[in-house]
Amino acid sequence: MALRAAASTTARSALRLNSAAAARPLSTAAVSGLDRAKSADNFEYVLDKFAEIRACAVLRTPTSEACPKAMQAAIDGGFKIVEFTLTTPDCLEHLSDFRSKYDGDVMVGCGTILNTDDAENAVDAGAEFIITPVMLPDVIEWCAARNIVCVPGCQTPTELVNAYRHGAPLQKLFPGVAGGPNWVKAVSSALPFLSINPTSGVDLDNAGDYLNNGAASVGLVAPLFDPAAVASGDWDQIAKNAEKVMANVRTAGPYIRK
């Protein structure tokens, strides 16, 4: 009887340990000699910046000419984290220019990364973090091995957890889901080790609602970079949009990292 009880206790303990291990992300320790590897301090700096600022300006424009003007307007309106997407003409050239101009003040990343070649090119251009539109384990693991923060796109709780397990410290919720902030609250309560970054569905008015209901940070796309304003060159309107949403975001305060 005593032996059976001891064995049962041991089995339960092992199950708890295995469950806890399954919920942990892969190690982010950069392997010595890996190309494009960053330091652990750099990895932590990027995550600290996301936790402090909690909002990223996500830009895609139909023309190369509009790209720097639109992003400059968002920065003028208060954004300190920005993402250039590969669907924008001359994306990496503009990313590199803004990284040089704002290094240490505005954190610059690259989105719509679809493979490790894209990730390499983005990092070479100066990207400080990588965003994917869908959950791509090869890109996540490539980044994790090099201490590069990767924020992969996920649609379901299962994808969010799998992204975390592959080494993504932040998980992008994309596209938007029914329920919005309440969905994020339910999932982040049930899976508290996640750090969810909603993008689609976030607007100038509800960004704070997402943050107050469990989101680690948010991404702003069309509501910030209004297509009509971009088409007409109304950069002042984009700056005003940025001011409005950043005021909304600041009311939520900083994120406590997990």
C-alpha atoms as a PDB file:
ATOM      1  CA  MET A   1       0.000   0.000   0.000  1.00  0.00           C
ATOM      2  CA  ALA A   2       2.750   2.419   0.981  1.00  0.00           C
ATOM      3  CA  LEU A   3       4.665   1.576  -2.186  1.00  0.00           C
ATOM      4  CA  ARG A   4       1.576   2.152  -4.361  1.00  0.00           C
ATOM      5  CA  ALA A   5       0.891   5.480  -2.641  1.00  0.00           C
ATOM      6  CA  ALA A   6       4.491   6.577  -3.091  1.00  0.00           C
ATOM      7  CA  ALA A   7       4.404   5.575  -6.765  1.00  0.00           C
ATOM      8  CA  SER A   8       1.157   7.474  -7.284  1.00  0.00           C
ATOM      9  CA  THR A   9       2.612  10.591  -5.652  1.00  0.00           C
ATOM     10  CA  THR A  10       5.721  10.327  -7.816  1.00  0.00           C
ATOM     11  CA  ALA A  11       3.627   9.962 -10.978  1.00  0.00           C
ATOM     12  CA  ARG A  12       1.534  13.015 -10.091  1.00  0.00           C
ATOM     13  CA  SER A  13       4.666  15.062  -9.414  1.00  0.00           C
ATOM     14  CA  ALA A  14       6.163  14.005 -12.739  1.00  0.00           C
ATOM     15  CA  LEU A  15       2.953  14.954 -14.538  1.00  0.00           C
ATOM     16  CA  ARG A  16       3.013  18.414 -12.962  1.00  0.00           C
ATOM     17  CA  LEU A  17       6.654  18.886 -13.939  1.00  0.00           C
ATOM     18  CA  ASN A  18       6.026  17.726 -17.499  1.00  0.00           C
ATOM     19  CA  SER A  19       3.009  20.049 -17.810  1.00  0.00           C
ATOM     20  CA  ALA A  20       5.032  22.999 -16.549  1.00  0.00           C
ATOM     21  CA  ALA A  21       7.868  22.211 -18.946  1.00  0.00           C
ATOM     22  CA  ALA A  22       5.438  21.981 -21.858  1.00  0.00           C
ATOM     23  CA  ALA A  23       4.214  25.492 -21.128  1.00  0.00           C
ATOM     24  CA  ARG A  24       7.682  27.017 -21.123  1.00  0.00           C
ATOM     25  CA  PRO A  25       9.129  28.540 -24.298  1.00  0.00           C
ATOM     26  CA  LEU A  26      12.359  27.291 -25.805  1.00  0.00           C
ATOM     27  CA  SER A  27      15.582  28.729 -24.459  1.00  0.00           C
ATOM     28  CA  THR A  28      16.571  32.042 -25.982  1.00  0.00           C
ATOM     29  CA  ALA A  29      20.273  31.641 -25.266  1.00  0.00           C
ATOM     30  CA  ALA A  30      22.115  32.505 -28.445  1.00  0.00           C
ATOM     31  CA  VAL A  31      24.463  29.778 -29.633  1.00  0.00           C
ATOM     32  CA  SER A  32      28.015  31.035 -29.930  1.00  0.00           C
ATOM     33  CA  GLY A  33      28.964  31.569 -33.556  1.00  0.00           C
ATOM     34  CA  LEU A  34      25.447  31.707 -35.011  1.00  0.00           C
ATOM     35  CA  ASP A  35      25.085  34.295 -37.724  1.00  0.00           C
ATOM     36  CA  ARG A  36      23.143  37.420 -36.756  1.00  0.00           C
ATOM     37  CA  ALA A  37      22.910  36.358 -33.085  1.00  0.00           C
ATOM     38  CA  LYS A  38      22.032  39.077 -30.583  1.00  0.00           C
ATOM     39  CA  SER A  39      22.882  39.261 -26.896  1.00  0.00           C
ATOM     40  CA  ALA A  40      20.528  38.187 -24.125  1.00  0.00           C
ATOM     41  CA  ASP A  41      20.523  41.814 -22.968  1.00  0.00           C
ATOM     42  CA  ASN A  42      19.308  42.925 -26.388  1.00  0.00           C
ATOM     43  CA  PHE A  43      16.509  40.340 -26.270  1.00  0.00           C
ATOM     44  CA  GLU A  44      15.418  41.651 -22.872  1.00  0.00           C
ATOM     45  CA  TYR A  45      15.654  45.254 -24.043  1.00  0.00           C
ATOM     46  CA  VAL A  46      13.196  44.606 -26.883  1.00  0.00           C
ATOM     47  CA  LEU A  47      10.710  42.884 -24.559  1.00  0.00           C
ATOM     48  CA  ASP A  48      11.071  45.651 -21.971  1.00  0.00           C
ATOM     49  CA  LYS A  49      10.340  48.246 -24.655  1.00  0.00           C
ATOM     50  CA  PHE A  50       7.168  46.414 -25.693  1.00  0.00           C
ATOM     51  CA  ALA A  51       6.116  46.208 -22.030  1.00  0.00           C
ATOM     52  CA  GLU A  52       6.723  49.912 -21.511  1.00  0.00           C
ATOM     53  CA  ILE A  53       5.219  51.354 -24.713  1.00  0.00           C
ATOM     54  CA  ARG A  54       2.565  48.673 -25.408  1.00  0.00           C
ATOM     55  CA  ALA A  55       1.654  49.849 -28.923  1.00  0.00           C
ATOM     56  CA  CYS A  56       3.247  49.381 -32.340  1.00  0.00           C
ATOM     57  CA  ALA A  57       2.528  51.308 -35.537  1.00  0.00           C
ATOM     58  CA  VAL A  58       2.155  48.734 -38.340  1.00  0.00           C
ATOM     59  CA  LEU A  59       2.572  50.272 -41.786  1.00  0.00           C
ATOM     60  CA  ARG A  60       1.879  49.000 -45.266  1.00  0.00           C
ATOM     61  CA  THR A  61       1.514  51.504 -48.087  1.00  0.00           C
ATOM     62  CA  PRO A  62       0.842  50.956 -51.800  1.00  0.00           C
ATOM     63  CA  THR A  63       3.751  53.192 -52.816  1.00  0.00           C
ATOM     64  CA  SER A  64       7.320  53.614 -51.659  1.00  0.00           C
ATOM     65  CA  GLU A  65       6.964  57.385 -51.583  1.00  0.00           C
ATOM     66  CA  ALA A  66       4.156  57.331 -49.019  1.00  0.00           C
ATOM     67  CA  CYS A  67       5.932  54.982 -46.627  1.00  0.00           C
ATOM     68  CA  PRO A  68       8.452  57.283 -44.879  1.00  0.00           C
ATOM     69  CA  LYS A  69       5.980  60.159 -44.735  1.00  0.00           C
ATOM     70  CA  ALA A  70       3.272  58.050 -43.114  1.00  0.00           C
ATOM     71  CA  MET A  71       5.664  56.486 -40.603  1.00  0.00           C
ATOM     72  CA  GLN A  72       7.172  59.835 -39.748  1.00  0.00           C
ATOM     73  CA  ALA A  73       3.673  61.135 -38.987  1.00  0.00           C
ATOM     74  CA  ALA A  74       3.047  58.214 -36.606  1.00  0.00           C
ATOM     75  CA  ILE A  75       6.331  58.882 -34.808  1.00  0.00           C
ATOM     76  CA  ASP A  76       5.561  62.593 -34.621  1.00  0.00           C
ATOM     77  CA  GLY A  77       2.263  61.610 -32.987  1.00  0.00           C
ATOM     78  CA  GLY A  78       4.015  59.638 -30.263  1.00  0.00           C
ATOM     79  CA  PHE A  79       4.773  56.086 -31.452  1.00  0.00           C
ATOM     80  CA  LYS A  80       8.026  54.611 -30.150  1.00  0.00           C
ATOM     81  CA  ILE A  81       7.693  51.142 -31.694  1.00  0.00           C
ATOM     82  CA  VAL A  82       7.162  50.812 -35.432  1.00  0.00           C
ATOM     83  CA  GLU A  83       6.869  47.961 -37.927  1.00  0.00           C
ATOM     84  CA  PHE A  84       7.586  48.160 -41.636  1.00  0.00           C
ATOM     85  CA  THR A  85       5.943  45.347 -43.613  1.00  0.00           C
ATOM     86  CA  LEU A  86       7.489  43.570 -46.578  1.00  0.00           C
ATOM     87  CA  THR A  87       4.345  44.218 -48.628  1.00  0.00           C
ATOM     88  CA  THR A  88       5.433  47.872 -48.832  1.00  0.00           C
ATOM     89  CA  PRO A  89       7.648  48.742 -51.827  1.00  0.00           C
ATOM     90  CA  ASP A  90      11.274  49.337 -50.742  1.00  0.00           C
ATOM     91  CA  CYS A  91      10.362  48.248 -47.225  1.00  0.00           C
ATOM     92  CA  LEU A  92      13.874  47.304 -46.111  1.00  0.00           C
ATOM     93  CA  GLU A  93      15.395  50.497 -47.473  1.00  0.00           C
ATOM     94  CA  HIS A  94      12.936  52.583 -45.456  1.00  0.00           C
ATOM     95  CA  LEU A  95      13.410  50.387 -42.384  1.00  0.00           C
ATOM     96  CA  SER A  96      17.164  50.875 -42.565  1.00  0.00           C
ATOM     97  CA  ASP A  97      16.786  54.653 -42.899  1.00  0.00           C
ATOM     98  CA  PHE A  98      14.521  54.898 -39.854  1.00  0.00           C
ATOM     99  CA  ARG A  99      16.732  52.611 -37.778  1.00  0.00           C
ATOM    100  CA  SER A 100      19.693  54.882 -38.499  1.00  0.00           C
ATOM    101  CA  LYS A 101      17.691  58.014 -37.786  1.00  0.00           C
ATOM    102  CA  TYR A 102      16.026  56.874 -34.555  1.00  0.00           C
ATOM    103  CA  ASP A 103      18.354  54.220 -33.140  1.00  0.00           C
ATOM    104  CA  GLY A 104      17.871  54.066 -29.376  1.00  0.00           C
ATOM    105  CA  ASP A 105      14.755  56.244 -29.442  1.00  0.00           C
ATOM    106  CA  VAL A 106      12.260  54.446 -31.686  1.00  0.00           C
ATOM    107  CA  MET A 107      12.396  50.651 -31.903  1.00  0.00           C
ATOM    108  CA  VAL A 108      12.089  49.413 -35.486  1.00  0.00           C
ATOM    109  CA  GLY A 109      10.895  45.977 -36.618  1.00  0.00           C
ATOM    110  CA  CYS A 110       9.865  44.171 -39.778  1.00  0.00           C
ATOM    111  CA  GLY A 111       6.609  42.366 -40.543  1.00  0.00           C
ATOM    112  CA  THR A 112       5.128  39.987 -43.114  1.00  0.00           C
ATOM    113  CA  ILE A 113       8.166  37.752 -42.667  1.00  0.00           C
ATOM    114  CA  LEU A 114       7.380  34.388 -44.301  1.00  0.00           C
ATOM    115  CA  ASN A 115      10.646  32.453 -44.090  1.00  0.00           C
ATOM    116  CA  THR A 116      14.125  32.565 -42.595  1.00  0.00           C
ATOM    117  CA  ASP A 117      15.533  34.283 -45.690  1.00  0.00           C
ATOM    118  CA  ASP A 118      13.089  37.144 -45.088  1.00  0.00           C
ATOM    119  CA  ALA A 119      14.169  37.236 -41.444  1.00  0.00           C
ATOM    120  CA  GLU A 120      17.854  37.359 -42.383  1.00  0.00           C
ATOM    121  CA  ASN A 121      17.286  40.225 -44.808  1.00  0.00           C
ATOM    122  CA  ALA A 122      15.229  42.146 -42.272  1.00  0.00           C
ATOM    123  CA  VAL A 123      17.842  41.767 -39.529  1.00  0.00           C
ATOM    124  CA  ASP A 124      20.577  42.800 -41.953  1.00  0.00           C
ATOM    125  CA  ALA A 125      18.558  45.947 -42.713  1.00  0.00           C
ATOM    126  CA  GLY A 126      18.378  46.756 -38.994  1.00  0.00           C
ATOM    127  CA  ALA A 127      15.142  45.173 -37.774  1.00  0.00           C
ATOM    128  CA  GLU A 128      15.121  44.825 -33.984  1.00  0.00           C
ATOM    129  CA  PHE A 129      12.212  42.384 -33.941  1.00  0.00           C
ATOM    130  CA  ILE A 130      10.449  40.104 -36.414  1.00  0.00           C
ATOM    131  CA  ILE A 131       6.694  39.778 -37.059  1.00  0.00           C
ATOM    132  CA  THR A 132       5.087  36.959 -39.041  1.00  0.00           C
ATOM    133  CA  PRO A 133       1.479  36.969 -40.305  1.00  0.00           C
ATOM    134  CA  VAL A 134       0.980  33.292 -39.418  1.00  0.00           C
ATOM    135  CA  MET A 135       2.531  30.754 -37.046  1.00  0.00           C
ATOM    136  CA  LEU A 136       5.793  29.652 -38.696  1.00  0.00           C
ATOM    137  CA  PRO A 137       7.829  27.359 -36.396  1.00  0.00           C
ATOM    138  CA  ASP A 138      10.980  27.558 -38.537  1.00  0.00           C
ATOM    139  CA  VAL A 139      11.087  31.360 -38.318  1.00  0.00           C
ATOM    140  CA  ILE A 140      10.269  31.382 -34.597  1.00  0.00           C
ATOM    141  CA  GLU A 141      13.021  28.881 -33.819  1.00  0.00           C
ATOM    142  CA  TRP A 142      15.540  30.672 -36.066  1.00  0.00           C
ATOM    143  CA  CYS A 143      14.870  33.868 -34.126  1.00  0.00           C
ATOM    144  CA  ALA A 144      14.820  32.206 -30.692  1.00  0.00           C
ATOM    145  CA  ALA A 145      18.224  30.610 -31.282  1.00  0.00           C
ATOM    146  CA  ARG A 146      19.630  34.074 -32.002  1.00  0.00           C
ATOM    147  CA  ASN A 147      17.955  36.065 -29.224  1.00  0.00           C
ATOM    148  CA  ILE A 148      15.790  37.902 -31.752  1.00  0.00           C
ATOM    149  CA  VAL A 149      12.250  38.604 -30.596  1.00  0.00           C
ATOM    150  CA  CYS A 150       9.714  37.030 -32.942  1.00  0.00           C
ATOM    151  CA  VAL A 151       6.009  37.848 -32.720  1.00  0.00           C
ATOM    152  CA  PRO A 152       4.137  35.295 -34.850  1.00  0.00           C
ATOM    153  CA  GLY A 153       0.562  35.640 -36.094  1.00  0.00           C
ATOM    154  CA  CYS A 154      -1.896  33.256 -34.419  1.00  0.00           C
ATOM    155  CA  GLN A 155      -5.665  32.827 -34.720  1.00  0.00           C
ATOM    156  CA  THR A 156      -6.572  30.298 -32.015  1.00  0.00           C
ATOM    157  CA  PRO A 157      -5.534  29.498 -28.433  1.00  0.00           C
ATOM    158  CA  THR A 158      -3.831  26.374 -29.752  1.00  0.00           C
ATOM    159  CA  GLU A 159      -1.717  28.404 -32.174  1.00  0.00           C
ATOM    160  CA  LEU A 160      -0.871  30.912 -29.449  1.00  0.00           C
ATOM    161  CA  VAL A 161       0.387  28.143 -27.161  1.00  0.00           C
ATOM    162  CA  ASN A 162       2.308  26.420 -29.959  1.00  0.00           C
ATOM    163  CA  ALA A 163       3.984  29.714 -30.880  1.00  0.00           C
ATOM    164  CA  TYR A 164       4.993  30.152 -27.240  1.00  0.00           C
ATOM    165  CA  ARG A 165       6.363  26.620 -27.047  1.00  0.00           C
ATOM    166  CA  HIS A 166       8.463  27.159 -30.156  1.00  0.00           C
ATOM    167  CA  GLY A 167      10.088  30.188 -28.520  1.00  0.00           C
ATOM    168  CA  ALA A 168       7.926  33.256 -29.251  1.00  0.00           C
ATOM    169  CA  PRO A 169       7.822  35.493 -26.144  1.00  0.00           C
ATOM    170  CA  LEU A 170       5.000  37.588 -27.651  1.00  0.00           C
ATOM    171  CA  GLN A 171       2.161  36.175 -29.741  1.00  0.00           C
ATOM    172  CA  LYS A 172       0.317  38.257 -32.326  1.00  0.00           C
ATOM    173  CA  LEU A 173      -3.445  37.738 -32.478  1.00  0.00           C
ATOM    174  CA  PHE A 174      -4.305  38.007 -36.170  1.00  0.00           C
ATOM    175  CA  PRO A 175      -6.736  38.408 -37.749  1.00  0.00           C
ATOM    176  CA  GLY A 176      -9.227  39.877 -35.312  1.00  0.00           C
ATOM    177  CA  VAL A 177     -11.571  37.604 -33.391  1.00  0.00           C
ATOM    178  CA  ALA A 178     -15.224  37.928 -32.396  1.00  0.00           C
ATOM    179  CA  GLY A 179     -15.459  39.299 -28.893  1.00  0.00           C
ATOM    180  CA  GLY A 180     -12.292  41.358 -29.147  1.00  0.00           C
ATOM    181  CA  PRO A 181     -11.107  42.413 -25.655  1.00  0.00           C
ATOM    182  CA  ASN A 182     -13.360  39.850 -23.945  1.00  0.00           C
ATOM    183  CA  TRP A 183     -11.813  37.050 -26.019  1.00  0.00           C
ATOM    184  CA  VAL A 184      -8.348  38.202 -24.993  1.00  0.00           C
ATOM    185  CA  LYS A 185      -9.435  38.342 -21.349  1.00  0.00           C
ATOM    186  CA  ALA A 186     -10.799  34.801 -21.444  1.00  0.00           C
ATOM    187  CA  VAL A 187      -7.750  33.325 -23.158  1.00  0.00           C
ATOM    188  CA  SER A 188      -5.142  35.209 -21.129  1.00  0.00           C
ATOM    189  CA  SER A 189      -6.917  34.193 -17.911  1.00  0.00           C
ATOM    190  CA  ALA A 190      -6.983  30.512 -18.892  1.00  0.00           C
ATOM    191  CA  LEU A 191      -3.428  30.599 -20.314  1.00  0.00           C
ATOM    192  CA  PRO A 192      -1.664  33.211 -18.165  1.00  0.00           C
ATOM    193  CA  PHE A 193       1.829  32.444 -19.500  1.00  0.00           C
ATOM    194  CA  LEU A 194       0.876  33.932 -22.893  1.00  0.00           C
ATOM    195  CA  SER A 195       1.656  37.543 -23.847  1.00  0.00           C
ATOM    196  CA  ILE A 196      -0.908  38.350 -26.522  1.00  0.00           C
ATOM    197  CA  ASN A 197      -0.489  41.153 -29.044  1.00  0.00           C
ATOM    198  CA  PRO A 198      -3.794  41.820 -30.876  1.00  0.00           C
ATOM    199  CA  THR A 199      -3.460  43.672 -34.166  1.00  0.00           C
ATOM    200  CA  SER A 200      -6.450  43.380 -36.473  1.00  0.00           C
ATOM    201  CA  GLY A 201      -9.568  44.749 -34.763  1.00  0.00           C
ATOM    202  CA  VAL A 202      -7.685  47.282 -32.642  1.00  0.00           C
ATOM    203  CA  ASP A 203      -8.683  50.890 -33.269  1.00  0.00           C
ATOM    204  CA  LEU A 204      -8.078  54.364 -31.850  1.00  0.00           C
ATOM    205  CA  ASP A 205     -10.790  53.959 -29.217  1.00  0.00           C
ATOM    206  CA  ASN A 206     -10.573  50.344 -28.047  1.00  0.00           C
ATOM    207  CA  ALA A 207      -6.786  49.916 -27.764  1.00  0.00           C
ATOM    208  CA  GLY A 208      -6.949  50.622 -24.028  1.00  0.00           C
ATOM    209  CA  ASP A 209      -9.772  48.097 -23.637  1.00  0.00           C
ATOM    210  CA  TYR A 210      -7.571  45.362 -25.084  1.00  0.00           C
ATOM    211  CA  LEU A 211      -4.698  46.290 -22.778  1.00  0.00           C
ATOM    212  CA  ASN A 212      -6.932  46.431 -19.711  1.00  0.00           C
ATOM    213  CA  ASN A 213      -8.324  42.984 -20.528  1.00  0.00           C
ATOM    214  CA  GLY A 214      -5.039  41.107 -20.640  1.00  0.00           C
ATOM    215  CA  ALA A 215      -3.286  42.054 -23.879  1.00  0.00           C
ATOM    216  CA  ALA A 216       0.443  42.620 -23.474  1.00  0.00           C
ATOM    217  CA  SER A 217       0.530  45.155 -26.307  1.00  0.00           C
ATOM    218  CA  VAL A 218      -1.375  46.070 -29.453  1.00  0.00           C
ATOM    219  CA  GLY A 219      -0.659  46.802 -33.091  1.00  0.00           C
ATOM    220  CA  LEU A 220      -2.357  49.596 -35.036  1.00  0.00           C
ATOM    221  CA  VAL A 221      -2.775  49.279 -38.785  1.00  0.00           C
ATOM    222  CA  ALA A 222      -5.556  50.917 -40.857  1.00  0.00           C
ATOM    223  CA  PRO A 223      -7.210  52.861 -38.019  1.00  0.00           C
ATOM    224  CA  LEU A 224      -3.874  54.637 -37.513  1.00  0.00           C
ATOM    225  CA  PHE A 225      -2.762  54.792 -41.143  1.00  0.00           C
ATOM    226  CA  ASP A 226      -6.170  55.648 -42.573  1.00  0.00           C
ATOM    227  CA  PRO A 227      -6.041  54.654 -46.258  1.00  0.00           C
ATOM    228  CA  ALA A 228      -7.821  57.847 -47.320  1.00  0.00           C
ATOM    229  CA  ALA A 229      -5.313  59.967 -45.405  1.00  0.00           C
ATOM    230  CA  VAL A 230      -2.404  58.058 -46.940  1.00  0.00           C
ATOM    231  CA  ALA A 231      -3.863  58.410 -50.450  1.00  0.00           C
ATOM    232  CA  SER A 232      -4.379  62.150 -50.053  1.00  0.00           C
ATOM    233  CA  GLY A 233      -1.104  62.780 -48.232  1.00  0.00           C
ATOM    234  CA  ASP A 234      -2.850  64.020 -45.111  1.00  0.00           C
ATOM    235  CA  TRP A 235       0.044  63.299 -42.760  1.00  0.00           C
ATOM    236  CA  ASP A 236      -1.347  65.648 -40.112  1.00  0.00           C
ATOM    237  CA  GLN A 237      -4.381  63.378 -39.770  1.00  0.00           C
ATOM    238  CA  ILE A 238      -2.158  60.369 -39.203  1.00  0.00           C
ATOM    239  CA  ALA A 239      -0.211  62.270 -36.539  1.00  0.00           C
ATOM    240  CA  LYS A 240      -3.506  63.168 -34.845  1.00  0.00           C
ATOM    241  CA  ASN A 241      -4.593  59.524 -34.984  1.00  0.00           C
ATOM    242  CA  ALA A 242      -1.310  58.569 -33.343  1.00  0.00           C
ATOM    243  CA  GLU A 243      -1.732  61.144 -30.591  1.00  0.00           C
ATOM    244  CA  LYS A 244      -5.245  59.902 -29.854  1.00  0.00           C
ATOM    245  CA  VAL A 245      -4.427  56.219 -29.660  1.00  0.00           C
ATOM    246  CA  MET A 246      -1.223  56.694 -27.672  1.00  0.00           C
ATOM    247  CA  ALA A 247      -3.131  58.766 -25.107  1.00  0.00           C
ATOM    248  CA  ASN A 248      -5.592  55.871 -24.901  1.00  0.00           C
ATOM    249  CA  VAL A 249      -2.763  53.325 -24.522  1.00  0.00           C
ATOM    250  CA  ARG A 250      -0.994  55.284 -21.781  1.00  0.00           C
ATOM    251  CA  THR A 251      -4.025  55.069 -19.509  1.00  0.00           C
ATOM    252  CA  ALA A 252      -3.417  51.313 -19.221  1.00  0.00           C
ATOM    253  CA  GLY A 253       0.067  51.775 -17.804  1.00  0.00           C
ATOM    254  CA  PRO A 254       3.056  49.474 -18.393  1.00  0.00           C
ATOM    255  CA  TYR A 255       2.742  45.727 -18.842  1.00  0.00           C
ATOM    256  CA  ILE A 256       4.124  43.434 -16.168  1.00  0.00           C
ATOM    257  CA  ARG A 257       6.193  40.875 -18.032  1.00  0.00           C
ATOM    258  CA  LYS A 258       5.682  37.177 -17.353  1.00  0.00           C
END
